[in-house]
Structure formats: structure tokens, C-alpha cells
Amino acid sequence: MIEFSEGIYRFYVYILTNKRKTVFYTGVTGNLHQRLDQHTTKQNSSSFTARYNVEFYERFGWIQQAIEREKEIKNLSRNKKLELIRLVNPNLDFWNYLFKDIV
């Protein structure tokens, strides 16, 4: 793995899931507010994630790190993804307050 110093940018890897927590979607973006707004306002109501809520996110300073982490998460088993989410979201609640915490 390439070592990076703390980047000056903000990139996010996030996990979305449906109400029953049966399917997970992992994505990466440079603007988490905008991307989650696109998902939650269902700008494309027929999209796969239009019915999903954010459950987890991680911040990175470099896009290479974010993409690498996204790939790692996508390769995790369902149980490993749930464990990861529960580290920061123990009750698997939709994070309505998430948007105020993202700068």
C-alpha cells in the first residue's frame, strides 16, 4: 500500500442499506452532503439506492485511499459489514443527524 500524508481534500466512503438491512450499497464521493442528498431525495426514483439510508461513513484525505477502502468494504461479507456499521452505529439507526456533522 502507498503511504500518504494527511490530504487536504475530503473524500468519503459510505454504506447505504434498506430498512430491512438486507442489501448494502458502498460508494465513494468527494461531496457527501450532495451525494447523500441525491440518494435520500430520490432524484432518480428508480435507482437502486433511492430507497436506502446511510448507515456508515469514513473520511479520507486522498481519493486513492478512499477508493482502496471502498474496494475493501465491497469485498467484506455481510456480517463483516454489519460489524463495521455497528462500531459507529450500534442500533443500526438511520443517521438523520449525519448531515449536521459533515463539513
N, C-alpha and C. Protein backbone atom coordinates (compact mmCIF):
# COMPACT_ATOMS: atom_id res chain seq x y z
N MET A 1 0.84 -1.18 0.00
CA MET A 1 0.00 0.00 0.00
C MET A 1 0.88 1.25 0.00
N ILE A 2 0.46 2.25 -0.73
CA ILE A 2 1.17 3.51 -0.78
C ILE A 2 0.87 4.30 0.49
N GLU A 3 1.90 4.89 1.09
CA GLU A 3 1.71 5.72 2.28
C GLU A 3 1.41 7.15 1.85
N PHE A 4 0.37 7.74 2.40
CA PHE A 4 0.00 9.12 2.10
C PHE A 4 0.03 9.93 3.37
N SER A 5 0.50 11.16 3.28
CA SER A 5 0.34 12.07 4.40
C SER A 5 -1.13 12.51 4.43
N GLU A 6 -1.53 13.18 5.46
CA GLU A 6 -2.92 13.64 5.54
C GLU A 6 -3.20 14.56 4.36
N GLY A 7 -4.20 14.24 3.60
CA GLY A 7 -4.53 15.03 2.43
C GLY A 7 -5.27 16.31 2.78
N ILE A 8 -5.32 17.19 1.83
CA ILE A 8 -6.02 18.45 2.05
C ILE A 8 -7.46 18.38 1.56
N TYR A 9 -7.83 17.27 0.96
CA TYR A 9 -9.16 17.10 0.42
C TYR A 9 -10.00 16.24 1.36
N ARG A 10 -11.27 16.14 1.04
CA ARG A 10 -12.17 15.27 1.81
C ARG A 10 -12.89 14.34 0.86
N PHE A 11 -12.66 13.08 1.04
CA PHE A 11 -13.36 12.05 0.30
C PHE A 11 -13.99 11.10 1.30
N TYR A 12 -15.14 10.58 0.95
CA TYR A 12 -15.89 9.74 1.88
C TYR A 12 -16.24 8.41 1.23
N VAL A 13 -16.13 7.35 2.02
CA VAL A 13 -16.65 6.04 1.66
C VAL A 13 -17.86 5.84 2.55
N TYR A 14 -18.97 5.41 1.96
CA TYR A 14 -20.19 5.30 2.75
C TYR A 14 -20.91 3.99 2.43
N ILE A 15 -21.73 3.56 3.39
CA ILE A 15 -22.56 2.37 3.19
C ILE A 15 -24.02 2.79 3.35
N LEU A 16 -24.83 2.42 2.38
CA LEU A 16 -26.27 2.63 2.44
C LEU A 16 -26.92 1.26 2.56
N THR A 17 -28.08 1.23 3.19
CA THR A 17 -28.83 -0.02 3.26
C THR A 17 -30.32 0.28 3.29
N ASN A 18 -31.11 -0.74 3.03
CA ASN A 18 -32.56 -0.57 3.07
C ASN A 18 -33.06 -0.76 4.49
N LYS A 19 -34.36 -0.56 4.71
CA LYS A 19 -34.92 -0.63 6.07
C LYS A 19 -34.71 -1.99 6.72
N ARG A 20 -34.78 -3.04 5.94
CA ARG A 20 -34.62 -4.40 6.49
C ARG A 20 -33.16 -4.82 6.64
N LYS A 21 -32.23 -3.98 6.18
CA LYS A 21 -30.80 -4.26 6.24
C LYS A 21 -30.45 -5.54 5.47
N THR A 22 -31.13 -5.75 4.35
CA THR A 22 -30.89 -6.97 3.57
C THR A 22 -29.88 -6.77 2.45
N VAL A 23 -29.70 -5.53 2.01
CA VAL A 23 -28.78 -5.24 0.92
C VAL A 23 -27.95 -4.02 1.32
N PHE A 24 -26.66 -4.06 0.98
CA PHE A 24 -25.77 -2.93 1.27
C PHE A 24 -25.24 -2.35 -0.03
N TYR A 25 -25.11 -1.04 -0.05
CA TYR A 25 -24.51 -0.32 -1.18
C TYR A 25 -23.33 0.47 -0.64
N THR A 26 -22.16 0.30 -1.21
CA THR A 26 -20.96 1.03 -0.80
C THR A 26 -20.56 1.96 -1.92
N GLY A 27 -20.30 3.21 -1.56
CA GLY A 27 -19.91 4.20 -2.56
C GLY A 27 -18.80 5.09 -2.05
N VAL A 28 -18.26 5.90 -2.95
CA VAL A 28 -17.23 6.88 -2.61
C VAL A 28 -17.61 8.20 -3.27
N THR A 29 -17.35 9.30 -2.58
CA THR A 29 -17.69 10.62 -3.11
C THR A 29 -16.79 11.69 -2.52
N GLY A 30 -16.67 12.78 -3.20
CA GLY A 30 -15.94 13.92 -2.69
C GLY A 30 -16.85 14.92 -2.00
N ASN A 31 -18.16 14.75 -2.15
CA ASN A 31 -19.13 15.65 -1.52
C ASN A 31 -20.24 14.79 -0.91
N LEU A 32 -20.06 14.43 0.35
CA LEU A 32 -21.01 13.52 0.99
C LEU A 32 -22.38 14.14 1.14
N HIS A 33 -22.44 15.43 1.49
CA HIS A 33 -23.74 16.12 1.58
C HIS A 33 -24.54 15.95 0.29
N GLN A 34 -23.91 16.31 -0.80
CA GLN A 34 -24.59 16.28 -2.10
C GLN A 34 -24.96 14.85 -2.49
N ARG A 35 -24.04 13.92 -2.30
CA ARG A 35 -24.30 12.54 -2.72
C ARG A 35 -25.42 11.91 -1.90
N LEU A 36 -25.41 12.13 -0.58
CA LEU A 36 -26.47 11.58 0.25
C LEU A 36 -27.80 12.25 -0.05
N ASP A 37 -27.75 13.54 -0.35
CA ASP A 37 -28.97 14.25 -0.73
C ASP A 37 -29.55 13.64 -2.00
N GLN A 38 -28.68 13.29 -2.95
CA GLN A 38 -29.14 12.65 -4.17
C GLN A 38 -29.82 11.31 -3.87
N HIS A 39 -29.25 10.57 -2.93
CA HIS A 39 -29.86 9.29 -2.55
C HIS A 39 -31.18 9.51 -1.81
N THR A 40 -31.17 10.38 -0.78
CA THR A 40 -32.33 10.50 0.10
C THR A 40 -33.49 11.27 -0.51
N THR A 41 -33.21 12.20 -1.43
CA THR A 41 -34.31 12.92 -2.07
C THR A 41 -34.80 12.17 -3.30
N LYS A 42 -34.18 11.03 -3.54
CA LYS A 42 -34.61 10.14 -4.62
C LYS A 42 -34.69 10.88 -5.97
N GLN A 43 -33.61 11.61 -6.29
CA GLN A 43 -33.56 12.36 -7.54
C GLN A 43 -33.79 11.45 -8.73
N ASN A 44 -33.37 10.22 -8.61
CA ASN A 44 -33.68 9.21 -9.61
C ASN A 44 -34.46 8.13 -8.87
N SER A 45 -35.78 8.26 -8.84
CA SER A 45 -36.61 7.39 -8.01
C SER A 45 -36.53 5.91 -8.39
N SER A 46 -36.05 5.62 -9.58
CA SER A 46 -35.94 4.21 -9.98
C SER A 46 -34.55 3.65 -9.70
N SER A 47 -33.67 4.48 -9.13
CA SER A 47 -32.31 4.00 -8.86
C SER A 47 -32.31 2.95 -7.76
N PHE A 48 -31.28 2.14 -7.79
CA PHE A 48 -31.12 1.05 -6.83
C PHE A 48 -31.13 1.56 -5.39
N THR A 49 -30.52 2.71 -5.15
CA THR A 49 -30.37 3.21 -3.79
C THR A 49 -31.42 4.24 -3.38
N ALA A 50 -32.38 4.51 -4.20
CA ALA A 50 -33.38 5.54 -3.88
C ALA A 50 -34.13 5.23 -2.58
N ARG A 51 -34.21 3.98 -2.22
CA ARG A 51 -34.94 3.59 -1.01
C ARG A 51 -34.01 3.33 0.18
N TYR A 52 -32.74 3.68 0.06
CA TYR A 52 -31.75 3.33 1.08
C TYR A 52 -31.40 4.52 1.96
N ASN A 53 -30.87 4.22 3.14
CA ASN A 53 -30.44 5.23 4.10
C ASN A 53 -28.97 5.01 4.43
N VAL A 54 -28.28 6.10 4.78
CA VAL A 54 -26.87 5.98 5.13
C VAL A 54 -26.74 5.37 6.52
N GLU A 55 -25.81 4.46 6.67
CA GLU A 55 -25.59 3.79 7.93
C GLU A 55 -24.18 4.02 8.46
N PHE A 56 -23.26 4.39 7.57
CA PHE A 56 -21.85 4.41 7.95
C PHE A 56 -21.08 5.25 6.95
N TYR A 57 -20.06 5.97 7.43
CA TYR A 57 -19.15 6.62 6.51
C TYR A 57 -17.78 6.78 7.16
N GLU A 58 -16.75 6.90 6.31
CA GLU A 58 -15.38 7.15 6.74
C GLU A 58 -14.83 8.26 5.85
N ARG A 59 -13.96 9.10 6.42
CA ARG A 59 -13.39 10.23 5.68
C ARG A 59 -11.91 9.97 5.36
N PHE A 60 -11.50 10.40 4.16
CA PHE A 60 -10.12 10.25 3.72
C PHE A 60 -9.63 11.55 3.10
N GLY A 61 -8.34 11.79 3.18
CA GLY A 61 -7.74 12.98 2.61
C GLY A 61 -7.30 12.81 1.17
N TRP A 62 -7.24 11.58 0.70
CA TRP A 62 -6.80 11.31 -0.67
C TRP A 62 -7.78 10.35 -1.33
N ILE A 63 -8.10 10.62 -2.59
CA ILE A 63 -9.06 9.78 -3.32
C ILE A 63 -8.55 8.35 -3.46
N GLN A 64 -7.23 8.17 -3.60
CA GLN A 64 -6.69 6.81 -3.74
C GLN A 64 -7.01 5.97 -2.51
N GLN A 65 -6.91 6.58 -1.33
CA GLN A 65 -7.23 5.87 -0.09
C GLN A 65 -8.71 5.53 -0.03
N ALA A 66 -9.54 6.47 -0.42
CA ALA A 66 -10.99 6.25 -0.38
C ALA A 66 -11.39 5.12 -1.32
N ILE A 67 -10.84 5.13 -2.51
CA ILE A 67 -11.16 4.07 -3.48
C ILE A 67 -10.68 2.72 -2.99
N GLU A 68 -9.49 2.68 -2.42
CA GLU A 68 -8.96 1.42 -1.88
C GLU A 68 -9.87 0.89 -0.77
N ARG A 69 -10.30 1.79 0.11
CA ARG A 69 -11.18 1.37 1.22
C ARG A 69 -12.54 0.93 0.70
N GLU A 70 -13.06 1.62 -0.29
CA GLU A 70 -14.34 1.23 -0.88
C GLU A 70 -14.26 -0.20 -1.41
N LYS A 71 -13.17 -0.52 -2.10
CA LYS A 71 -12.98 -1.87 -2.62
C LYS A 71 -12.90 -2.90 -1.49
N GLU A 72 -12.19 -2.54 -0.41
CA GLU A 72 -12.09 -3.45 0.75
C GLU A 72 -13.48 -3.73 1.32
N ILE A 73 -14.25 -2.67 1.52
CA ILE A 73 -15.59 -2.83 2.11
C ILE A 73 -16.49 -3.65 1.19
N LYS A 74 -16.42 -3.39 -0.10
CA LYS A 74 -17.25 -4.15 -1.05
C LYS A 74 -16.95 -5.64 -0.99
N ASN A 75 -15.72 -5.99 -0.65
CA ASN A 75 -15.34 -7.41 -0.59
C ASN A 75 -15.63 -8.05 0.76
N LEU A 76 -16.09 -7.28 1.73
CA LEU A 76 -16.42 -7.85 3.04
C LEU A 76 -17.71 -8.66 2.97
N SER A 77 -17.82 -9.62 3.84
CA SER A 77 -19.06 -10.39 3.94
C SER A 77 -20.14 -9.51 4.56
N ARG A 78 -21.36 -9.93 4.44
CA ARG A 78 -22.49 -9.20 5.04
C ARG A 78 -22.26 -9.01 6.54
N ASN A 79 -21.85 -10.06 7.23
CA ASN A 79 -21.63 -9.96 8.68
C ASN A 79 -20.52 -8.98 9.03
N LYS A 80 -19.46 -8.96 8.24
CA LYS A 80 -18.36 -8.02 8.48
C LYS A 80 -18.82 -6.57 8.25
N LYS A 81 -19.67 -6.36 7.25
CA LYS A 81 -20.21 -5.02 7.02
C LYS A 81 -21.08 -4.58 8.20
N LEU A 82 -21.90 -5.50 8.69
CA LEU A 82 -22.73 -5.18 9.85
C LEU A 82 -21.86 -4.86 11.07
N GLU A 83 -20.79 -5.62 11.27
CA GLU A 83 -19.87 -5.33 12.38
C GLU A 83 -19.27 -3.95 12.24
N LEU A 84 -18.86 -3.61 11.04
CA LEU A 84 -18.28 -2.30 10.77
C LEU A 84 -19.28 -1.19 11.07
N ILE A 85 -20.49 -1.35 10.61
CA ILE A 85 -21.53 -0.35 10.86
C ILE A 85 -21.81 -0.22 12.35
N ARG A 86 -21.88 -1.35 13.03
CA ARG A 86 -22.20 -1.32 14.47
C ARG A 86 -21.12 -0.64 15.32
N LEU A 87 -19.90 -0.54 14.80
CA LEU A 87 -18.85 0.18 15.54
C LEU A 87 -19.23 1.64 15.76
N VAL A 88 -19.88 2.24 14.79
CA VAL A 88 -20.25 3.66 14.89
C VAL A 88 -21.74 3.88 14.97
N ASN A 89 -22.52 2.87 14.69
CA ASN A 89 -23.98 2.98 14.66
C ASN A 89 -24.56 1.71 15.28
N PRO A 90 -24.40 1.53 16.61
CA PRO A 90 -24.72 0.26 17.27
C PRO A 90 -26.16 -0.22 17.09
N ASN A 91 -27.11 0.70 16.97
CA ASN A 91 -28.52 0.30 16.84
C ASN A 91 -28.98 0.21 15.39
N LEU A 92 -28.02 0.41 14.47
CA LEU A 92 -28.34 0.40 13.04
C LEU A 92 -29.47 1.37 12.72
N ASP A 93 -29.42 2.53 13.35
CA ASP A 93 -30.41 3.58 13.11
C ASP A 93 -29.99 4.41 11.91
N PHE A 94 -30.97 4.88 11.17
CA PHE A 94 -30.68 5.83 10.11
C PHE A 94 -30.18 7.11 10.75
N TRP A 95 -29.11 7.65 10.22
CA TRP A 95 -28.46 8.82 10.81
C TRP A 95 -29.07 10.12 10.31
N ASN A 96 -30.23 10.50 10.84
CA ASN A 96 -30.83 11.77 10.44
C ASN A 96 -29.93 12.93 10.82
N TYR A 97 -29.18 12.78 11.88
CA TYR A 97 -28.29 13.85 12.34
C TYR A 97 -26.97 13.87 11.59
N LEU A 98 -26.76 12.93 10.70
CA LEU A 98 -25.49 12.81 9.99
C LEU A 98 -25.10 14.09 9.27
N PHE A 99 -26.05 14.71 8.61
CA PHE A 99 -25.74 15.85 7.77
C PHE A 99 -25.15 17.03 8.53
N LYS A 100 -25.53 17.23 9.76
CA LYS A 100 -25.00 18.35 10.53
C LYS A 100 -23.56 18.13 10.95
N ASP A 101 -23.10 16.87 10.97
CA ASP A 101 -21.76 16.56 11.42
C ASP A 101 -20.72 16.59 10.29
N ILE A 102 -21.16 16.67 9.07
CA ILE A 102 -20.25 16.63 7.93
C ILE A 102 -19.92 18.05 7.52
N VAL A 103 -18.65 18.33 7.41
CA VAL A 103 -18.23 19.68 6.99
C VAL A 103 -17.77 19.64 5.55
